[in-house]
Amino acid sequence: MEVLHAADLTRDQLTLIPSTVDQHIGIMRQAEVDAVISFEPYASALVSEGYHVIFDSSKLQNPIIDVLVSRESIIEQHQQQFQQLLAGHWQAVELLKQHPEKALPILKQRLGQTETALTGIYQGLIIPDFDHNARIIEHDLNGLAASTREAMFEFGLLNEIPMLDALADNTLHETSR
């Protein structure tokens, strides 16, 4: 909703076109859409092609949070794999924070960006460490998710507003350290 307000638009003025982030440059080039909501490294690539940033997440009242969502039954069946995934994530976060000179070549290869571009991209990001993430899960996630679910319902992305009672379970997070 903050994006609409910043662009001085209403929901009725939009037509949502489903796309994946790797399609953003192509659909903009082909004029299939007037704007996209994108993220790095695609956002920088769009700017380098002459497109303009209308709004960026630094202006959001609430932070953008990345979440891993799974059915409880799948986590129970594959708990070790989930723990390995999360442990790998935390190792990567620590490597980026403690030894960016080691992390940047890996990111360069994975994202197809120069190390200079990656330094600029990651400079503006807040990447929560393990403890910060635990605080988000324990204290903030349900509140942040409430506004997101309401917006998703209003935009027709959800058929009903889901209950959030048991949304945040920190158990798997705590065992991934």
C-alpha atoms as a PDB file:
ATOM      1  CA  MET A   1       0.000   0.000   0.000  1.00  0.00           C
ATOM      2  CA  GLU A   2       2.901   2.345   0.705  1.00  0.00           C
ATOM      3  CA  VAL A   3       4.078   1.858  -2.878  1.00  0.00           C
ATOM      4  CA  LEU A   4       0.683   2.908  -4.248  1.00  0.00           C
ATOM      5  CA  HIS A   5       0.625   5.958  -2.030  1.00  0.00           C
ATOM      6  CA  ALA A   6       4.156   6.973  -3.088  1.00  0.00           C
ATOM      7  CA  ALA A   7       3.198   6.639  -6.770  1.00  0.00           C
ATOM      8  CA  ASP A   8      -0.116   8.468  -6.184  1.00  0.00           C
ATOM      9  CA  LEU A   9      -2.092   5.477  -7.477  1.00  0.00           C
ATOM     10  CA  THR A  10      -5.119   3.555  -6.301  1.00  0.00           C
ATOM     11  CA  ARG A  11      -5.711  -0.185  -6.473  1.00  0.00           C
ATOM     12  CA  ASP A  12      -8.297   0.369  -9.217  1.00  0.00           C
ATOM     13  CA  GLN A  13      -5.662   1.911 -11.470  1.00  0.00           C
ATOM     14  CA  LEU A  14      -3.565  -1.280 -11.483  1.00  0.00           C
ATOM     15  CA  THR A  15      -3.662  -4.472 -13.449  1.00  0.00           C
ATOM     16  CA  LEU A  16      -1.467  -7.120 -11.866  1.00  0.00           C
ATOM     17  CA  ILE A  17       0.582  -9.167 -14.318  1.00  0.00           C
ATOM     18  CA  PRO A  18       2.131 -12.273 -12.749  1.00  0.00           C
ATOM     19  CA  SER A  19       5.827 -12.650 -13.514  1.00  0.00           C
ATOM     20  CA  THR A  20       8.990 -13.968 -11.975  1.00  0.00           C
ATOM     21  CA  VAL A  21      11.809 -11.618 -11.073  1.00  0.00           C
ATOM     22  CA  ASP A  22      14.012 -12.957 -13.876  1.00  0.00           C
ATOM     23  CA  GLN A  23      11.322 -11.823 -16.353  1.00  0.00           C
ATOM     24  CA  HIS A  24      11.294  -8.179 -15.196  1.00  0.00           C
ATOM     25  CA  ILE A  25      13.851  -6.853 -17.666  1.00  0.00           C
ATOM     26  CA  GLY A  26      12.185  -8.608 -20.598  1.00  0.00           C
ATOM     27  CA  ILE A  27       8.658  -7.461 -19.824  1.00  0.00           C
ATOM     28  CA  MET A  28       9.845  -3.901 -19.329  1.00  0.00           C
ATOM     29  CA  ARG A  29      11.784  -3.961 -22.639  1.00  0.00           C
ATOM     30  CA  GLN A  30       8.731  -5.311 -24.457  1.00  0.00           C
ATOM     31  CA  ALA A  31       6.514  -2.676 -22.807  1.00  0.00           C
ATOM     32  CA  GLU A  32       4.244  -5.435 -21.476  1.00  0.00           C
ATOM     33  CA  VAL A  33       4.063  -3.514 -18.183  1.00  0.00           C
ATOM     34  CA  ASP A  34       4.606   0.060 -17.047  1.00  0.00           C
ATOM     35  CA  ALA A  35       6.384  -0.858 -13.806  1.00  0.00           C
ATOM     36  CA  VAL A  36       7.646  -3.808 -11.796  1.00  0.00           C
ATOM     37  CA  ILE A  37       8.342  -4.433  -8.157  1.00  0.00           C
ATOM     38  CA  SER A  38      11.810  -5.880  -8.295  1.00  0.00           C
ATOM     39  CA  PHE A  39      14.893  -6.419  -6.172  1.00  0.00           C
ATOM     40  CA  GLU A  40      18.618  -6.816  -6.560  1.00  0.00           C
ATOM     41  CA  PRO A  41      20.427  -7.613  -8.756  1.00  0.00           C
ATOM     42  CA  TYR A  42      17.537  -7.085 -11.191  1.00  0.00           C
ATOM     43  CA  ALA A  43      16.692  -3.603  -9.877  1.00  0.00           C
ATOM     44  CA  SER A  44      20.202  -2.338 -10.657  1.00  0.00           C
ATOM     45  CA  ALA A  45      20.060  -3.948 -14.098  1.00  0.00           C
ATOM     46  CA  LEU A  46      16.792  -2.126 -14.811  1.00  0.00           C
ATOM     47  CA  VAL A  47      18.308   1.192 -13.718  1.00  0.00           C
ATOM     48  CA  SER A  48      21.361   0.565 -15.917  1.00  0.00           C
ATOM     49  CA  GLU A  49      18.968   0.171 -18.873  1.00  0.00           C
ATOM     50  CA  GLY A  50      17.485   3.593 -18.195  1.00  0.00           C
ATOM     51  CA  TYR A  51      14.424   2.732 -16.121  1.00  0.00           C
ATOM     52  CA  HIS A  52      13.726   4.874 -13.053  1.00  0.00           C
ATOM     53  CA  VAL A  53      13.165   3.929  -9.439  1.00  0.00           C
ATOM     54  CA  ILE A  54       9.746   5.185  -8.335  1.00  0.00           C
ATOM     55  CA  PHE A  55       9.974   3.846  -4.813  1.00  0.00           C
ATOM     56  CA  ASP A  56      12.448   1.732  -2.893  1.00  0.00           C
ATOM     57  CA  SER A  57      12.187  -0.265   0.291  1.00  0.00           C
ATOM     58  CA  SER A  58      14.292   2.185   2.303  1.00  0.00           C
ATOM     59  CA  LYS A  59      11.167   4.354   2.405  1.00  0.00           C
ATOM     60  CA  LEU A  60       8.921   1.612   3.811  1.00  0.00           C
ATOM     61  CA  GLN A  61       7.595   2.046   7.316  1.00  0.00           C
ATOM     62  CA  ASN A  62       8.062  -1.692   7.974  1.00  0.00           C
ATOM     63  CA  PRO A  63      11.074  -3.656   6.790  1.00  0.00           C
ATOM     64  CA  ILE A  64      10.916  -6.300   4.099  1.00  0.00           C
ATOM     65  CA  ILE A  65      11.578  -9.674   5.614  1.00  0.00           C
ATOM     66  CA  ASP A  66      12.422 -12.874   3.818  1.00  0.00           C
ATOM     67  CA  VAL A  67      10.737 -15.961   5.178  1.00  0.00           C
ATOM     68  CA  LEU A  68      10.983 -19.671   4.582  1.00  0.00           C
ATOM     69  CA  VAL A  69       7.518 -21.194   4.527  1.00  0.00           C
ATOM     70  CA  SER A  70       6.695 -24.875   4.613  1.00  0.00           C
ATOM     71  CA  ARG A  71       3.943 -27.172   5.739  1.00  0.00           C
ATOM     72  CA  GLU A  72       4.637 -28.565   9.177  1.00  0.00           C
ATOM     73  CA  SER A  73       4.371 -32.126   7.860  1.00  0.00           C
ATOM     74  CA  ILE A  74       7.165 -31.478   5.332  1.00  0.00           C
ATOM     75  CA  ILE A  75       9.431 -30.011   8.008  1.00  0.00           C
ATOM     76  CA  GLU A  76       8.795 -33.055  10.185  1.00  0.00           C
ATOM     77  CA  GLN A  77       9.657 -35.410   7.301  1.00  0.00           C
ATOM     78  CA  HIS A  78      12.795 -33.497   6.292  1.00  0.00           C
ATOM     79  CA  GLN A  79      13.940 -31.824   9.498  1.00  0.00           C
ATOM     80  CA  GLN A  80      17.636 -32.588   8.958  1.00  0.00           C
ATOM     81  CA  GLN A  81      17.597 -31.067   5.463  1.00  0.00           C
ATOM     82  CA  PHE A  82      15.847 -27.928   6.754  1.00  0.00           C
ATOM     83  CA  GLN A  83      18.415 -27.619   9.529  1.00  0.00           C
ATOM     84  CA  GLN A  84      21.241 -27.968   6.983  1.00  0.00           C
ATOM     85  CA  LEU A  85      19.627 -25.343   4.746  1.00  0.00           C
ATOM     86  CA  LEU A  86      19.311 -22.874   7.608  1.00  0.00           C
ATOM     87  CA  ALA A  87      22.817 -23.610   8.904  1.00  0.00           C
ATOM     88  CA  GLY A  88      24.185 -22.968   5.411  1.00  0.00           C
ATOM     89  CA  HIS A  89      22.289 -19.688   5.268  1.00  0.00           C
ATOM     90  CA  TRP A  90      23.784 -18.526   8.579  1.00  0.00           C
ATOM     91  CA  GLN A  91      27.262 -19.566   7.456  1.00  0.00           C
ATOM     92  CA  ALA A  92      26.814 -17.496   4.286  1.00  0.00           C
ATOM     93  CA  VAL A  93      25.579 -14.463   6.255  1.00  0.00           C
ATOM     94  CA  GLU A  94      28.573 -14.665   8.570  1.00  0.00           C
ATOM     95  CA  LEU A  95      30.982 -15.089   5.651  1.00  0.00           C
ATOM     96  CA  LEU A  96      29.549 -11.999   3.959  1.00  0.00           C
ATOM     97  CA  LYS A  97      29.796  -9.940   7.151  1.00  0.00           C
ATOM     98  CA  GLN A  98      33.140 -11.191   8.427  1.00  0.00           C
ATOM     99  CA  HIS A  99      34.990 -11.900   5.158  1.00  0.00           C
ATOM    100  CA  PRO A 100      33.365 -10.071   2.243  1.00  0.00           C
ATOM    101  CA  GLU A 101      36.526 -10.591   0.194  1.00  0.00           C
ATOM    102  CA  LYS A 102      35.788 -14.340   0.272  1.00  0.00           C
ATOM    103  CA  ALA A 103      32.020 -14.021  -0.197  1.00  0.00           C
ATOM    104  CA  LEU A 104      32.006 -11.558  -3.112  1.00  0.00           C
ATOM    105  CA  PRO A 105      33.663 -13.895  -5.652  1.00  0.00           C
ATOM    106  CA  ILE A 106      31.045 -16.546  -4.845  1.00  0.00           C
ATOM    107  CA  LEU A 107      28.223 -14.026  -5.222  1.00  0.00           C
ATOM    108  CA  LYS A 108      29.803 -12.663  -8.405  1.00  0.00           C
ATOM    109  CA  GLN A 109      29.687 -16.095 -10.007  1.00  0.00           C
ATOM    110  CA  ARG A 110      26.166 -16.859  -8.751  1.00  0.00           C
ATOM    111  CA  LEU A 111      24.579 -13.503  -9.619  1.00  0.00           C
ATOM    112  CA  GLY A 112      26.617 -12.602 -12.693  1.00  0.00           C
ATOM    113  CA  GLN A 113      27.585  -9.203 -11.291  1.00  0.00           C
ATOM    114  CA  THR A 114      30.920  -7.458 -10.879  1.00  0.00           C
ATOM    115  CA  GLU A 115      32.349  -7.226  -7.373  1.00  0.00           C
ATOM    116  CA  THR A 116      31.977  -3.444  -7.585  1.00  0.00           C
ATOM    117  CA  ALA A 117      28.279  -3.781  -8.438  1.00  0.00           C
ATOM    118  CA  LEU A 118      27.782  -6.313  -5.652  1.00  0.00           C
ATOM    119  CA  THR A 119      29.431  -4.025  -3.131  1.00  0.00           C
ATOM    120  CA  GLY A 120      26.948  -1.307  -4.086  1.00  0.00           C
ATOM    121  CA  ILE A 121      24.003  -3.698  -3.998  1.00  0.00           C
ATOM    122  CA  TYR A 122      24.820  -5.106  -0.561  1.00  0.00           C
ATOM    123  CA  GLN A 123      25.816  -1.746   0.889  1.00  0.00           C
ATOM    124  CA  GLY A 124      22.191  -0.668   1.220  1.00  0.00           C
ATOM    125  CA  LEU A 125      20.855  -3.971   2.556  1.00  0.00           C
ATOM    126  CA  ILE A 126      20.343  -4.831   6.178  1.00  0.00           C
ATOM    127  CA  ILE A 127      21.000  -8.539   6.512  1.00  0.00           C
ATOM    128  CA  PRO A 128      19.877  -9.677   9.959  1.00  0.00           C
ATOM    129  CA  ASP A 129      22.237 -11.917  11.869  1.00  0.00           C
ATOM    130  CA  PHE A 130      21.027 -15.014  13.725  1.00  0.00           C
ATOM    131  CA  ASP A 131      20.048 -13.178  16.928  1.00  0.00           C
ATOM    132  CA  HIS A 132      18.294 -10.336  15.097  1.00  0.00           C
ATOM    133  CA  ASN A 133      16.357 -12.882  13.054  1.00  0.00           C
ATOM    134  CA  ALA A 134      15.315 -14.713  16.232  1.00  0.00           C
ATOM    135  CA  ARG A 135      13.960 -11.431  17.664  1.00  0.00           C
ATOM    136  CA  ILE A 136      11.954 -10.830  14.471  1.00  0.00           C
ATOM    137  CA  ILE A 137      10.450 -14.321  14.641  1.00  0.00           C
ATOM    138  CA  GLU A 138       9.639 -14.051  18.346  1.00  0.00           C
ATOM    139  CA  HIS A 139       8.357 -10.473  18.505  1.00  0.00           C
ATOM    140  CA  ASP A 140       7.621  -8.902  15.126  1.00  0.00           C
ATOM    141  CA  LEU A 141       6.663 -11.520  12.544  1.00  0.00           C
ATOM    142  CA  ASN A 142       2.947 -11.816  13.303  1.00  0.00           C
ATOM    143  CA  GLY A 143       2.503  -8.032  13.260  1.00  0.00           C
ATOM    144  CA  LEU A 144       4.431  -7.637  10.007  1.00  0.00           C
ATOM    145  CA  ALA A 145       2.541 -10.526   8.439  1.00  0.00           C
ATOM    146  CA  ALA A 146      -0.833  -9.077   9.450  1.00  0.00           C
ATOM    147  CA  SER A 147      -0.454  -6.013   7.235  1.00  0.00           C
ATOM    148  CA  THR A 148       0.908  -8.147   4.392  1.00  0.00           C
ATOM    149  CA  ARG A 149      -1.968 -10.637   4.499  1.00  0.00           C
ATOM    150  CA  GLU A 150      -4.531  -7.827   4.471  1.00  0.00           C
ATOM    151  CA  ALA A 151      -2.912  -6.205   1.428  1.00  0.00           C
ATOM    152  CA  MET A 152      -2.689  -9.577  -0.337  1.00  0.00           C
ATOM    153  CA  PHE A 153      -6.381 -10.192   0.346  1.00  0.00           C
ATOM    154  CA  GLU A 154      -7.314  -6.730  -0.938  1.00  0.00           C
ATOM    155  CA  PHE A 155      -5.324  -7.317  -4.146  1.00  0.00           C
ATOM    156  CA  GLY A 156      -7.016 -10.664  -4.708  1.00  0.00           C
ATOM    157  CA  LEU A 157      -3.867 -12.683  -4.058  1.00  0.00           C
ATOM    158  CA  LEU A 158      -5.585 -14.529  -1.197  1.00  0.00           C
ATOM    159  CA  ASN A 159      -9.144 -15.839  -1.188  1.00  0.00           C
ATOM    160  CA  GLU A 160      -9.459 -15.396   2.568  1.00  0.00           C
ATOM    161  CA  ILE A 161      -7.435 -13.793   5.320  1.00  0.00           C
ATOM    162  CA  PRO A 162      -5.455 -16.600   6.967  1.00  0.00           C
ATOM    163  CA  MET A 163      -5.075 -16.973  10.718  1.00  0.00           C
ATOM    164  CA  LEU A 164      -1.599 -16.181  11.999  1.00  0.00           C
ATOM    165  CA  ASP A 165      -1.809 -17.780  15.440  1.00  0.00           C
ATOM    166  CA  ALA A 166       0.968 -20.309  14.888  1.00  0.00           C
ATOM    167  CA  LEU A 167       2.796 -18.574  12.071  1.00  0.00           C
ATOM    168  CA  ALA A 168       6.129 -18.131  13.771  1.00  0.00           C
ATOM    169  CA  ASP A 169       7.818 -21.210  15.164  1.00  0.00           C
ATOM    170  CA  ASN A 170      11.377 -20.548  16.263  1.00  0.00           C
ATOM    171  CA  THR A 171      12.203 -24.199  16.985  1.00  0.00           C
ATOM    172  CA  LEU A 172      13.853 -25.016  13.664  1.00  0.00           C
ATOM    173  CA  HIS A 173      15.647 -21.664  13.647  1.00  0.00           C
ATOM    174  CA  GLU A 174      17.163 -22.301  17.082  1.00  0.00           C
ATOM    175  CA  THR A 175      18.434 -25.755  16.102  1.00  0.00           C
ATOM    176  CA  SER A 176      20.135 -24.452  12.927  1.00  0.00           C
ATOM    177  CA  ARG A 177      22.855 -22.498  14.685  1.00  0.00           C
END
